[in-house]
N, C-alpha and C. Protein backbone atom coordinates (compact mmCIF):
# COMPACT_ATOMS: atom_id res chain seq x y z
N MET A 1 0.95 -1.19 -0.37
CA MET A 1 -0.09 -0.12 -0.26
C MET A 1 0.80 1.49 0.35
N ILE A 2 0.32 2.07 -0.96
CA ILE A 2 1.29 3.88 -1.12
C ILE A 2 0.64 4.73 -0.40
N THR A 3 1.16 5.17 0.55
CA THR A 3 0.44 6.32 1.48
C THR A 3 0.67 7.77 0.92
N ILE A 4 -0.17 8.32 0.34
CA ILE A 4 -0.21 9.53 -0.09
C ILE A 4 -0.52 10.19 0.96
N ILE A 5 0.27 11.49 1.57
CA ILE A 5 -0.08 12.42 2.51
C ILE A 5 -0.70 13.85 2.17
N ASP A 6 -2.00 13.83 2.21
CA ASP A 6 -3.63 14.72 1.79
C ASP A 6 -3.03 15.87 3.07
N TYR A 7 -2.40 17.23 2.40
CA TYR A 7 -2.26 17.84 3.54
C TYR A 7 -2.98 19.39 2.57
N LYS A 8 -3.88 19.12 2.15
CA LYS A 8 -4.94 19.81 1.52
C LYS A 8 -4.11 21.18 0.16
N MET A 9 -3.32 20.45 -0.72
CA MET A 9 -2.38 21.00 -1.47
C MET A 9 -1.97 20.05 -2.72
N GLY A 10 -2.96 20.65 -3.99
CA GLY A 10 -2.65 19.82 -5.14
C GLY A 10 -3.23 18.48 -5.16
N ASN A 11 -3.08 18.38 -6.75
CA ASN A 11 -3.77 17.16 -7.34
C ASN A 11 -3.81 16.01 -6.71
N ILE A 12 -4.26 15.39 -5.96
CA ILE A 12 -3.98 14.13 -5.33
C ILE A 12 -4.54 13.14 -6.16
N GLY A 13 -5.82 13.62 -6.60
CA GLY A 13 -6.61 12.11 -7.24
C GLY A 13 -6.33 11.61 -9.02
N SER A 14 -4.95 12.82 -9.35
CA SER A 14 -4.50 12.55 -10.06
C SER A 14 -3.05 11.39 -10.47
N VAL A 15 -2.64 11.34 -9.17
CA VAL A 15 -1.58 10.24 -8.25
C VAL A 15 -2.29 8.99 -7.99
N VAL A 16 -3.55 9.08 -7.87
CA VAL A 16 -4.15 7.92 -6.89
C VAL A 16 -4.83 7.31 -8.71
N ASN A 17 -5.50 8.07 -9.66
CA ASN A 17 -5.59 7.15 -10.57
C ASN A 17 -4.00 6.82 -11.49
N MET A 18 -2.82 7.40 -11.41
CA MET A 18 -1.91 6.65 -12.25
C MET A 18 -1.34 5.76 -11.29
N ILE A 19 -1.62 5.75 -9.92
CA ILE A 19 -1.03 4.38 -9.11
C ILE A 19 -1.66 3.21 -9.86
N LYS A 20 -3.24 3.67 -9.67
CA LYS A 20 -4.32 2.77 -10.24
C LYS A 20 -4.26 1.47 -11.23
N LYS A 21 -3.73 2.83 -12.51
CA LYS A 21 -3.18 2.46 -13.42
C LYS A 21 -2.38 1.62 -13.96
N ILE A 22 -1.37 1.28 -13.60
CA ILE A 22 0.11 0.60 -13.14
C ILE A 22 -0.66 -0.88 -12.14
N GLY A 23 -1.88 -1.18 -11.56
CA GLY A 23 -1.86 -2.09 -10.63
C GLY A 23 -1.71 -1.86 -9.05
N TYR A 24 -1.56 -0.57 -8.64
CA TYR A 24 -1.71 -1.18 -7.08
C TYR A 24 -2.58 -0.16 -6.45
N GLU A 25 -2.97 -0.37 -5.12
CA GLU A 25 -3.76 0.86 -4.67
C GLU A 25 -3.30 1.53 -3.60
N SER A 26 -3.44 2.58 -3.05
CA SER A 26 -2.90 4.07 -2.51
C SER A 26 -4.00 4.13 -1.55
N LEU A 27 -3.54 4.75 -0.44
CA LEU A 27 -4.46 5.01 0.95
C LEU A 27 -3.83 6.64 0.95
N VAL A 28 -5.18 7.61 0.45
CA VAL A 28 -5.19 9.10 0.75
C VAL A 28 -5.16 9.66 2.33
N THR A 29 -4.24 10.12 3.48
CA THR A 29 -4.57 10.28 4.61
C THR A 29 -4.09 11.59 4.60
N SER A 30 -4.43 12.13 6.06
CA SER A 30 -3.81 12.83 7.15
C SER A 30 -4.05 12.40 8.40
N ASP A 31 -4.66 10.96 8.21
CA ASP A 31 -4.46 10.59 9.62
C ASP A 31 -2.75 10.32 10.44
N VAL A 32 -2.55 10.91 11.26
CA VAL A 32 -1.01 10.25 11.80
C VAL A 32 -0.88 8.99 12.00
N GLN A 33 -1.96 8.35 12.82
CA GLN A 33 -1.99 6.97 13.11
C GLN A 33 -1.50 6.29 11.92
N LYS A 34 -2.41 6.54 10.92
CA LYS A 34 -2.26 5.24 9.25
C LYS A 34 -0.81 5.59 8.90
N ILE A 35 -0.31 6.98 8.97
CA ILE A 35 0.77 7.15 8.25
C ILE A 35 1.88 5.96 9.31
N LEU A 36 1.56 6.77 10.42
CA LEU A 36 2.61 5.74 11.12
C LEU A 36 2.81 4.05 10.56
N SER A 37 1.82 3.63 9.98
CA SER A 37 2.23 2.40 9.35
C SER A 37 2.54 2.21 7.89
N ALA A 38 2.85 3.82 6.98
CA ALA A 38 3.13 3.26 6.20
C ALA A 38 4.30 3.18 5.41
N GLN A 39 4.13 2.14 4.68
CA GLN A 39 5.67 1.79 3.92
C GLN A 39 6.22 2.10 3.02
N LYS A 40 5.55 3.25 2.04
CA LYS A 40 6.34 3.59 1.39
C LYS A 40 5.13 5.03 1.21
N ILE A 41 6.03 6.30 1.09
CA ILE A 41 4.83 7.46 1.21
C ILE A 41 4.89 8.24 0.02
N ILE A 42 3.88 9.30 -0.70
CA ILE A 42 4.14 10.28 -1.78
C ILE A 42 3.65 11.30 -1.00
N LEU A 43 4.45 12.55 -1.56
CA LEU A 43 4.06 13.76 -0.79
C LEU A 43 3.71 14.31 -1.64
N PRO A 44 3.12 14.48 -2.31
CA PRO A 44 2.65 15.33 -3.85
C PRO A 44 2.67 17.04 -3.33
N GLY A 45 2.02 18.08 -4.73
CA GLY A 45 1.42 19.36 -4.24
C GLY A 45 1.69 19.98 -5.07
N VAL A 46 1.11 20.67 -5.03
CA VAL A 46 0.90 22.41 -6.11
C VAL A 46 0.59 23.49 -5.83
N GLY A 47 1.00 24.54 -5.52
CA GLY A 47 0.47 26.07 -4.28
C GLY A 47 1.91 26.56 -4.27
N HIS A 48 2.04 27.22 -3.11
CA HIS A 48 2.51 28.29 -2.34
C HIS A 48 3.23 27.27 -1.11
N PHE A 49 4.64 27.30 -1.15
CA PHE A 49 5.55 26.82 -0.49
C PHE A 49 5.12 27.13 0.93
N ASP A 50 4.82 28.33 1.76
CA ASP A 50 4.06 28.90 2.98
C ASP A 50 3.03 28.30 3.63
N LYS A 51 1.99 28.19 2.56
CA LYS A 51 0.64 27.53 2.30
C LYS A 51 1.14 26.36 3.39
N ALA A 52 2.04 25.43 2.32
CA ALA A 52 2.06 23.83 2.54
C ALA A 52 2.63 23.28 3.64
N MET A 53 3.33 24.11 4.28
CA MET A 53 4.30 24.32 5.61
C MET A 53 3.27 24.35 6.63
N ARG A 54 2.61 25.39 6.49
CA ARG A 54 1.59 26.51 7.61
C ARG A 54 0.19 24.26 7.49
N ASN A 55 0.50 23.93 6.73
CA ASN A 55 -1.24 23.06 6.47
C ASN A 55 -0.33 21.81 7.25
N LEU A 56 0.95 21.51 6.73
CA LEU A 56 1.86 20.22 7.48
C LEU A 56 2.10 20.51 8.86
N HIS A 57 2.12 22.08 9.70
CA HIS A 57 2.02 22.16 10.99
C HIS A 57 0.52 21.76 11.12
N GLU A 58 -0.21 22.56 11.37
CA GLU A 58 -1.66 22.45 11.24
C GLU A 58 -2.40 21.30 11.37
N LEU A 59 -2.01 20.24 10.90
CA LEU A 59 -2.08 18.85 10.85
C LEU A 59 -1.42 17.75 11.38
N ASN A 60 -0.52 18.72 12.17
CA ASN A 60 0.58 17.52 12.87
C ASN A 60 1.36 16.95 12.17
N LEU A 61 1.55 16.79 11.22
CA LEU A 61 2.52 15.80 10.33
C LEU A 61 3.61 15.79 10.08
N ILE A 62 4.43 17.42 10.59
CA ILE A 62 6.21 17.20 10.72
C ILE A 62 6.27 16.39 11.65
N GLY A 63 5.78 15.66 12.17
CA GLY A 63 6.67 14.72 13.00
C GLY A 63 6.44 13.31 13.03
N VAL A 64 5.40 13.25 12.20
CA VAL A 64 5.39 11.45 11.83
C VAL A 64 5.76 11.64 10.93
N LEU A 65 6.34 12.31 10.32
CA LEU A 65 7.11 12.65 8.66
C LEU A 65 8.29 12.22 8.81
N ASN A 66 8.81 13.24 9.71
CA ASN A 66 10.40 12.86 10.66
C ASN A 66 10.71 11.46 10.77
N GLN A 67 9.56 11.34 11.34
CA GLN A 67 10.06 9.39 11.67
C GLN A 67 9.87 8.56 10.83
N LYS A 68 9.09 8.66 9.92
CA LYS A 68 9.15 8.15 8.66
C LYS A 68 10.29 8.17 8.03
N ALA A 69 11.03 9.43 7.96
CA ALA A 69 11.27 9.60 6.79
C ALA A 69 13.17 9.80 7.33
N ILE A 70 13.09 10.53 8.23
CA ILE A 70 14.67 9.97 9.14
C ILE A 70 15.36 8.76 9.75
N ILE A 71 13.86 8.56 10.66
CA ILE A 71 14.43 7.37 11.74
C ILE A 71 13.86 6.13 11.30
N GLU A 72 12.86 5.88 10.61
CA GLU A 72 12.66 4.71 9.79
C GLU A 72 13.15 4.41 8.45
N LYS A 73 13.27 5.84 7.80
CA LYS A 73 13.80 5.80 6.58
C LYS A 73 13.22 5.07 5.57
N VAL A 74 12.07 5.03 5.46
CA VAL A 74 10.93 4.18 4.77
C VAL A 74 11.00 5.15 3.23
N PRO A 75 11.02 4.59 2.13
CA PRO A 75 11.22 5.42 0.81
C PRO A 75 9.92 6.57 0.61
N ILE A 76 10.24 7.78 0.37
CA ILE A 76 9.38 8.72 0.60
C ILE A 76 9.76 9.84 -1.03
N LEU A 77 8.90 9.52 -1.67
CA LEU A 77 8.56 10.40 -2.94
C LEU A 77 7.60 12.08 -3.42
N GLY A 78 8.62 13.12 -3.25
CA GLY A 78 8.05 14.27 -3.21
C GLY A 78 7.65 14.34 -4.77
N ILE A 79 6.95 15.06 -5.10
CA ILE A 79 6.51 15.42 -6.34
C ILE A 79 5.90 16.84 -6.70
N CYS A 80 6.51 17.56 -7.51
CA CYS A 80 6.36 19.01 -7.46
C CYS A 80 6.73 20.06 -5.71
N LEU A 81 5.81 20.34 -5.91
CA LEU A 81 5.75 21.41 -4.70
C LEU A 81 6.37 20.38 -3.52
N GLY A 82 6.06 19.00 -3.42
CA GLY A 82 6.14 17.80 -2.44
C GLY A 82 7.73 18.15 -2.47
N MET A 83 8.58 18.16 -3.82
CA MET A 83 9.94 17.94 -3.51
C MET A 83 10.59 18.97 -3.60
N GLN A 84 10.35 20.83 -3.23
CA GLN A 84 10.90 21.70 -2.88
C GLN A 84 10.45 21.52 -1.25
N LEU A 85 9.59 20.86 -1.15
CA LEU A 85 9.59 21.25 0.92
C LEU A 85 10.47 20.32 1.02
N LEU A 86 11.07 19.26 0.78
CA LEU A 86 12.39 19.01 0.86
C LEU A 86 13.23 19.30 1.03
N SER A 87 13.52 20.60 0.87
CA SER A 87 14.35 21.65 0.92
C SER A 87 14.38 22.33 2.51
N GLU A 88 15.84 23.01 2.57
CA GLU A 88 15.87 23.45 3.81
C GLU A 88 14.78 25.39 3.51
N VAL A 89 14.78 26.15 2.89
CA VAL A 89 14.22 27.07 2.57
C VAL A 89 13.73 27.11 1.15
N SER A 90 12.77 28.28 1.27
CA SER A 90 12.66 28.44 -0.74
C SER A 90 12.46 30.21 -0.41
N GLU A 91 12.48 30.69 -1.58
CA GLU A 91 12.83 32.18 -2.35
C GLU A 91 10.60 32.70 -2.03
N GLU A 92 10.26 31.73 -2.02
CA GLU A 92 8.58 31.76 -2.10
C GLU A 92 7.77 32.36 -0.63
N GLY A 93 8.46 31.94 0.06
CA GLY A 93 8.35 32.15 1.84
C GLY A 93 8.84 32.39 2.49
N ASN A 94 8.69 32.47 3.58
CA ASN A 94 9.79 32.36 5.29
C ASN A 94 9.76 31.59 5.89
N SER A 95 8.89 30.69 5.80
CA SER A 95 9.28 29.25 6.37
C SER A 95 10.22 28.50 6.65
N ASN A 96 10.32 27.28 7.23
CA ASN A 96 11.77 26.20 6.75
C ASN A 96 10.59 25.59 6.35
N GLY A 97 11.68 24.70 5.23
CA GLY A 97 11.29 23.32 4.95
C GLY A 97 11.33 22.14 5.78
N LEU A 98 10.62 20.85 5.10
CA LEU A 98 11.30 19.95 6.22
C LEU A 98 12.95 19.94 6.11
N GLY A 99 13.87 20.22 5.27
CA GLY A 99 14.98 20.24 5.69
C GLY A 99 15.82 18.66 5.77
N TRP A 100 15.43 17.87 4.42
CA TRP A 100 15.55 16.58 4.72
C TRP A 100 16.52 16.21 3.58
N ILE A 101 16.87 17.32 2.73
CA ILE A 101 17.51 17.52 1.78
C ILE A 101 18.91 18.97 1.88
N LYS A 102 19.72 18.94 1.73
CA LYS A 102 20.49 20.16 1.84
C LYS A 102 20.32 21.16 1.26
N GLY A 103 19.90 21.99 0.67
CA GLY A 103 19.41 23.27 -0.33
C GLY A 103 18.56 24.46 -0.44
N GLU A 104 18.17 24.82 -1.35
CA GLU A 104 17.25 25.71 -1.05
C GLU A 104 16.38 26.19 -2.58
N VAL A 105 15.21 26.99 -2.32
CA VAL A 105 14.46 26.41 -3.94
C VAL A 105 14.53 28.42 -4.03
N ARG A 106 14.73 28.72 -5.35
CA ARG A 106 14.78 29.62 -5.93
C ARG A 106 13.83 30.02 -7.17
N ARG A 107 13.22 30.95 -7.27
CA ARG A 107 12.33 31.35 -8.37
C ARG A 107 13.50 31.20 -10.14
N PHE A 108 13.44 30.69 -11.14
CA PHE A 108 13.94 31.24 -12.24
C PHE A 108 14.52 32.54 -12.74
N ALA A 109 15.39 32.97 -12.63
CA ALA A 109 16.07 33.96 -13.04
C ALA A 109 16.95 33.93 -13.86
N PHE A 110 16.19 34.61 -15.52
CA PHE A 110 16.83 34.26 -16.64
C PHE A 110 17.94 35.70 -17.25
N ASP A 111 18.79 35.02 -17.92
CA ASP A 111 19.58 36.13 -18.08
C ASP A 111 18.91 36.94 -19.38
N GLU A 112 19.81 38.00 -19.96
CA GLU A 112 19.08 38.60 -21.02
C GLU A 112 18.74 37.85 -22.31
N ASN A 113 19.65 36.83 -22.42
CA ASN A 113 19.55 35.75 -23.94
C ASN A 113 17.87 34.70 -23.41
N SER A 114 18.36 34.69 -22.01
CA SER A 114 16.54 33.86 -22.33
C SER A 114 15.29 34.49 -21.38
N LYS A 115 15.04 36.21 -21.27
CA LYS A 115 14.17 36.81 -20.70
C LYS A 115 13.35 36.56 -21.24
N LYS A 116 13.13 35.98 -22.77
CA LYS A 116 11.61 35.89 -23.59
C LYS A 116 11.11 34.26 -23.17
N LEU A 117 12.09 33.37 -22.09
CA LEU A 117 11.47 32.67 -21.59
C LEU A 117 10.23 32.89 -20.85
N LYS A 118 8.99 32.32 -20.54
CA LYS A 118 7.93 32.41 -19.48
C LYS A 118 8.30 31.93 -18.50
N ILE A 119 7.44 32.55 -17.67
CA ILE A 119 7.60 31.82 -16.04
C ILE A 119 5.93 31.76 -15.62
N PRO A 120 5.10 30.36 -15.14
CA PRO A 120 6.31 29.34 -15.46
C PRO A 120 6.69 28.60 -16.15
N HIS A 121 7.75 27.54 -15.61
CA HIS A 121 7.97 26.77 -16.76
C HIS A 121 6.99 25.96 -16.98
N MET A 122 5.98 25.62 -18.01
CA MET A 122 5.40 24.71 -18.09
C MET A 122 5.17 24.39 -19.78
N GLY A 123 4.81 22.70 -19.59
CA GLY A 123 4.96 21.62 -20.11
C GLY A 123 5.42 20.43 -20.59
N TRP A 124 6.49 20.05 -21.70
CA TRP A 124 7.03 18.81 -21.50
C TRP A 124 8.47 19.13 -21.83
N ASN A 125 9.66 18.42 -21.04
CA ASN A 125 10.80 18.48 -21.07
C ASN A 125 11.45 17.17 -21.24
N THR A 126 12.69 17.30 -21.49
CA THR A 126 13.04 15.82 -21.06
C THR A 126 14.35 16.20 -20.04
N ILE A 127 14.71 14.46 -19.02
CA ILE A 127 16.06 14.63 -18.07
C ILE A 127 16.52 14.41 -18.45
N ASN A 128 17.81 14.77 -17.98
CA ASN A 128 19.48 14.40 -17.62
C ASN A 128 19.62 13.62 -16.42
N PRO A 129 19.80 12.05 -16.66
CA PRO A 129 19.91 11.34 -15.36
C PRO A 129 21.19 11.89 -14.97
N ILE A 130 21.79 12.02 -14.08
CA ILE A 130 23.27 12.94 -13.76
C ILE A 130 24.20 11.48 -12.59
N LYS A 131 23.25 10.32 -12.24
CA LYS A 131 23.59 9.29 -11.81
C LYS A 131 22.65 8.06 -11.09
N ASP A 132 23.44 7.08 -10.93
CA ASP A 132 22.12 6.00 -11.20
C ASP A 132 21.48 5.08 -10.07
N SER A 133 19.75 5.21 -10.30
CA SER A 133 18.89 5.06 -9.54
C SER A 133 18.01 4.09 -9.66
N PRO A 134 17.88 3.34 -8.66
CA PRO A 134 16.54 2.08 -9.48
C PRO A 134 14.81 3.21 -9.70
N LEU A 135 15.04 4.63 -9.34
CA LEU A 135 13.41 5.59 -9.66
C LEU A 135 13.69 5.10 -11.19
N LEU A 136 15.33 5.08 -11.93
CA LEU A 136 15.32 5.79 -13.67
C LEU A 136 15.40 4.24 -14.09
N GLU A 137 15.15 3.60 -13.88
CA GLU A 137 15.43 2.35 -14.73
C GLU A 137 14.62 2.07 -15.59
N ASN A 138 14.92 1.97 -16.96
CA ASN A 138 14.04 1.85 -17.74
C ASN A 138 13.83 3.55 -18.51
N LEU A 139 14.40 4.61 -18.13
CA LEU A 139 14.39 6.08 -18.58
C LEU A 139 15.60 6.20 -18.45
N ASN A 140 15.64 7.77 -19.72
CA ASN A 140 17.00 8.06 -19.92
C ASN A 140 16.61 9.40 -20.29
N ASN A 141 17.88 10.21 -21.41
CA ASN A 141 17.82 11.60 -21.65
C ASN A 141 16.45 12.10 -22.74
N ASN A 142 15.76 10.94 -23.66
CA ASN A 142 14.64 10.92 -24.09
C ASN A 142 13.55 10.78 -23.48
N SER A 143 13.23 10.35 -22.39
CA SER A 143 12.23 10.66 -21.67
C SER A 143 11.41 11.79 -20.80
N ARG A 144 10.36 11.86 -21.82
CA ARG A 144 10.18 13.13 -21.53
C ARG A 144 8.86 13.26 -20.03
N PHE A 145 9.20 14.45 -19.70
CA PHE A 145 7.92 14.49 -18.22
C PHE A 145 7.11 15.94 -17.95
N TYR A 146 6.15 16.36 -17.75
CA TYR A 146 5.13 17.20 -17.58
C TYR A 146 5.42 18.32 -16.87
N PHE A 147 5.98 19.77 -16.67
CA PHE A 147 6.61 20.00 -15.50
C PHE A 147 5.62 21.71 -15.54
N VAL A 148 4.97 22.25 -14.30
CA VAL A 148 4.83 23.41 -14.39
C VAL A 148 4.98 24.02 -12.83
N HIS A 149 6.23 24.86 -12.95
CA HIS A 149 7.15 25.48 -12.08
C HIS A 149 7.57 26.87 -11.82
N SER A 150 7.35 27.31 -11.57
CA SER A 150 8.40 28.85 -11.46
C SER A 150 9.41 29.00 -10.58
N TYR A 151 9.16 28.04 -9.41
CA TYR A 151 10.81 27.90 -8.35
C TYR A 151 11.48 26.73 -8.62
N HIS A 152 12.66 26.10 -8.41
CA HIS A 152 13.60 24.90 -8.57
C HIS A 152 14.43 25.14 -7.41
N PHE A 153 14.70 23.47 -7.03
CA PHE A 153 15.42 23.85 -6.41
C PHE A 153 17.06 23.25 -6.33
N ILE A 154 17.73 24.08 -5.72
CA ILE A 154 19.52 23.96 -5.34
C ILE A 154 19.88 23.41 -4.60
N CYS A 155 20.74 22.14 -5.26
CA CYS A 155 20.85 21.40 -4.12
C CYS A 155 22.05 21.46 -3.40
N GLN A 156 22.62 21.89 -2.04
CA GLN A 156 24.27 22.21 -1.32
C GLN A 156 24.98 20.83 -1.72
N ASN A 157 23.97 19.94 -1.42
CA ASN A 157 25.67 18.42 -1.89
C ASN A 157 24.96 18.04 -3.44
N PRO A 158 26.24 18.34 -4.46
CA PRO A 158 26.56 17.75 -5.87
C PRO A 158 25.69 16.14 -5.87
N GLU A 159 25.95 15.75 -4.69
CA GLU A 159 25.66 14.06 -5.07
C GLU A 159 24.19 13.36 -4.79
N ASP A 160 23.43 14.52 -4.63
CA ASP A 160 22.02 14.76 -4.31
C ASP A 160 21.34 14.81 -5.07
N ILE A 161 21.95 14.80 -6.43
CA ILE A 161 21.25 15.58 -7.45
C ILE A 161 21.39 14.17 -8.48
N LEU A 162 19.62 13.95 -8.71
CA LEU A 162 19.77 12.90 -9.83
C LEU A 162 19.36 13.08 -11.15
N CYS A 163 19.30 14.26 -11.33
CA CYS A 163 18.42 14.60 -12.86
C CYS A 163 18.17 16.08 -12.91
N THR A 164 18.77 16.65 -14.01
CA THR A 164 18.92 17.94 -14.47
C THR A 164 17.55 17.91 -15.55
N THR A 165 17.57 19.32 -16.19
CA THR A 165 16.80 19.81 -17.02
C THR A 165 17.10 21.09 -17.74
N GLU A 166 17.23 21.44 -18.93
CA GLU A 166 17.31 22.63 -19.37
C GLU A 166 15.91 23.42 -19.66
N TYR A 167 15.77 24.62 -19.08
CA TYR A 167 15.16 25.65 -19.07
C TYR A 167 15.61 27.24 -19.13
N GLY A 168 16.17 27.43 -20.12
CA GLY A 168 16.76 28.83 -20.00
C GLY A 168 18.63 28.57 -19.17
N TYR A 169 18.26 27.47 -18.45
CA TYR A 169 20.13 27.27 -17.75
C TYR A 169 19.50 25.40 -17.26
N THR A 170 20.55 25.48 -17.09
CA THR A 170 20.50 23.58 -16.01
C THR A 170 19.73 23.75 -14.78
N PHE A 171 18.53 23.13 -14.62
CA PHE A 171 18.32 23.31 -13.10
C PHE A 171 18.01 22.34 -12.97
N VAL A 172 18.06 21.35 -11.77
CA VAL A 172 17.88 19.93 -10.91
C VAL A 172 16.31 19.85 -10.82
N SER A 173 16.02 18.88 -11.34
CA SER A 173 14.38 18.05 -12.18
C SER A 173 14.62 17.34 -11.21
N ALA A 174 15.45 16.41 -10.99
CA ALA A 174 14.92 15.42 -9.49
C ALA A 174 16.28 14.61 -8.45
N ILE A 175 15.90 14.58 -7.23
CA ILE A 175 17.15 14.80 -6.24
C ILE A 175 16.74 13.51 -5.66
N SER A 176 17.85 13.00 -5.24
CA SER A 176 17.58 11.87 -4.20
C SER A 176 18.74 11.57 -2.75
N HIS A 177 18.54 11.36 -1.62
CA HIS A 177 19.47 11.39 -1.17
C HIS A 177 18.88 9.75 -0.43
N ASN A 178 19.59 8.46 -0.05
CA ASN A 178 19.34 7.87 0.68
C ASN A 178 17.65 7.17 0.22
N ASN A 179 16.84 7.55 1.46
CA ASN A 179 15.51 6.85 0.92
C ASN A 179 14.74 8.19 0.50
N ILE A 180 14.92 9.41 0.55
CA ILE A 180 14.37 10.36 0.22
C ILE A 180 14.54 10.76 -0.89
N MET A 181 13.35 10.88 -1.75
CA MET A 181 13.79 11.17 -3.59
C MET A 181 12.22 12.59 -3.46
N GLY A 182 12.75 13.17 -5.31
CA GLY A 182 11.32 14.22 -5.22
C GLY A 182 12.09 14.47 -6.55
N VAL A 183 10.85 14.53 -7.15
CA VAL A 183 10.78 14.88 -8.90
C VAL A 183 10.04 16.50 -8.75
N GLN A 184 10.77 17.26 -9.56
CA GLN A 184 9.92 18.73 -9.83
C GLN A 184 8.86 18.81 -11.45
N PHE A 185 8.94 17.41 -11.94
CA PHE A 185 7.55 16.92 -12.52
C PHE A 185 6.54 16.56 -12.18
N HIS A 186 5.58 16.03 -13.23
CA HIS A 186 4.43 16.11 -12.31
C HIS A 186 4.50 14.19 -12.71
N PRO A 187 4.72 13.09 -12.83
CA PRO A 187 5.18 11.97 -13.27
C PRO A 187 3.27 11.14 -13.53
N GLU A 188 2.36 11.94 -12.99
CA GLU A 188 1.05 11.47 -12.51
C GLU A 188 0.01 11.69 -14.15
N LYS A 189 1.14 12.82 -14.92
CA LYS A 189 0.64 13.63 -15.72
C LYS A 189 2.16 13.44 -16.89
N SER A 190 2.67 12.61 -17.04
CA SER A 190 3.28 12.34 -18.05
C SER A 190 3.42 10.64 -18.90
N HIS A 191 2.20 10.37 -18.41
CA HIS A 191 2.28 9.04 -19.54
C HIS A 191 2.78 8.33 -19.24
N LYS A 192 3.53 7.43 -20.33
CA LYS A 192 4.47 6.38 -19.71
C LYS A 192 5.45 6.47 -19.18
N PHE A 193 6.31 7.26 -19.44
CA PHE A 193 7.46 7.74 -18.27
C PHE A 193 7.47 7.41 -17.29
N GLY A 194 6.04 8.97 -16.41
CA GLY A 194 5.35 8.84 -15.47
C GLY A 194 5.48 7.50 -14.71
N MET A 195 4.54 6.81 -15.74
CA MET A 195 3.85 5.14 -15.20
C MET A 195 4.91 5.10 -15.47
N THR A 196 5.81 4.29 -15.61
CA THR A 196 7.31 3.86 -15.20
C THR A 196 8.22 4.52 -14.09
N LEU A 197 8.01 5.68 -14.36
CA LEU A 197 9.38 6.30 -12.59
C LEU A 197 7.73 5.46 -11.55
N LEU A 198 7.06 6.17 -11.39
CA LEU A 198 5.84 5.46 -10.20
C LEU A 198 6.19 3.91 -10.25
N LYS A 199 6.30 3.21 -11.12
CA LYS A 199 6.30 1.46 -11.15
C LYS A 199 7.51 1.32 -10.24
N ASN A 200 8.23 2.36 -11.04
CA ASN A 200 9.82 1.81 -10.02
C ASN A 200 9.94 2.02 -8.72
N PHE A 201 9.42 3.24 -8.45
CA PHE A 201 9.30 3.45 -6.69
C PHE A 201 8.28 2.68 -5.90
N ILE A 202 7.28 2.03 -6.51
CA ILE A 202 6.92 1.32 -5.96
C ILE A 202 7.17 -0.08 -5.65
N GLU A 203 7.86 -0.73 -6.87
CA GLU A 203 8.97 -1.81 -7.11
C GLU A 203 9.73 -1.88 -6.21
N LYS A 204 10.91 -0.92 -6.59
CA LYS A 204 12.37 -1.39 -6.14
C LYS A 204 12.63 -0.51 -4.95
N PHE A 205 12.03 -0.14 -4.32
CA PHE A 205 12.26 0.47 -3.04
C PHE A 205 11.60 0.07 -1.50
């Protein structure tokens, strides 16, 4: 069973549907007791960084998520805003992030040569895998994923970078540190490539 954290931010239905499409069941919950028994966790999210962290605090989810991620080391996948919440801080607000992966989140800032590019970065783009991971099995630099974001993760430790993508400049589009993973794109909206990635997360961790 895959536990999807419901903290009132994002397109959880699409994640549930994609997981069901690849043959698995998921539990959508904000119940601390149910999360305590989770074996795999997905932290989705669309919206504002500060509001997301405030919701996690108000739902008393920070403690149980730290327990699962840091102490029990269960596999956790952050999606889009969910990936950004893994950071220490974000330019989008004043709240501290979960701080599980060292780094910060910044808004796209283009030079004169790239000023015509729109923010948010929206649409299909490819990934450039930086290191090997079971999460990327059967995926490569021709794999296309759907993005919608104005901010991106800057890793303090280069070894935490899993993939990069080009949009005006090279930015980090996936991260991993031990059991904790994050993707800036939306695998639940990325057809066969997204199905492959979610299947890898479910079956290989």
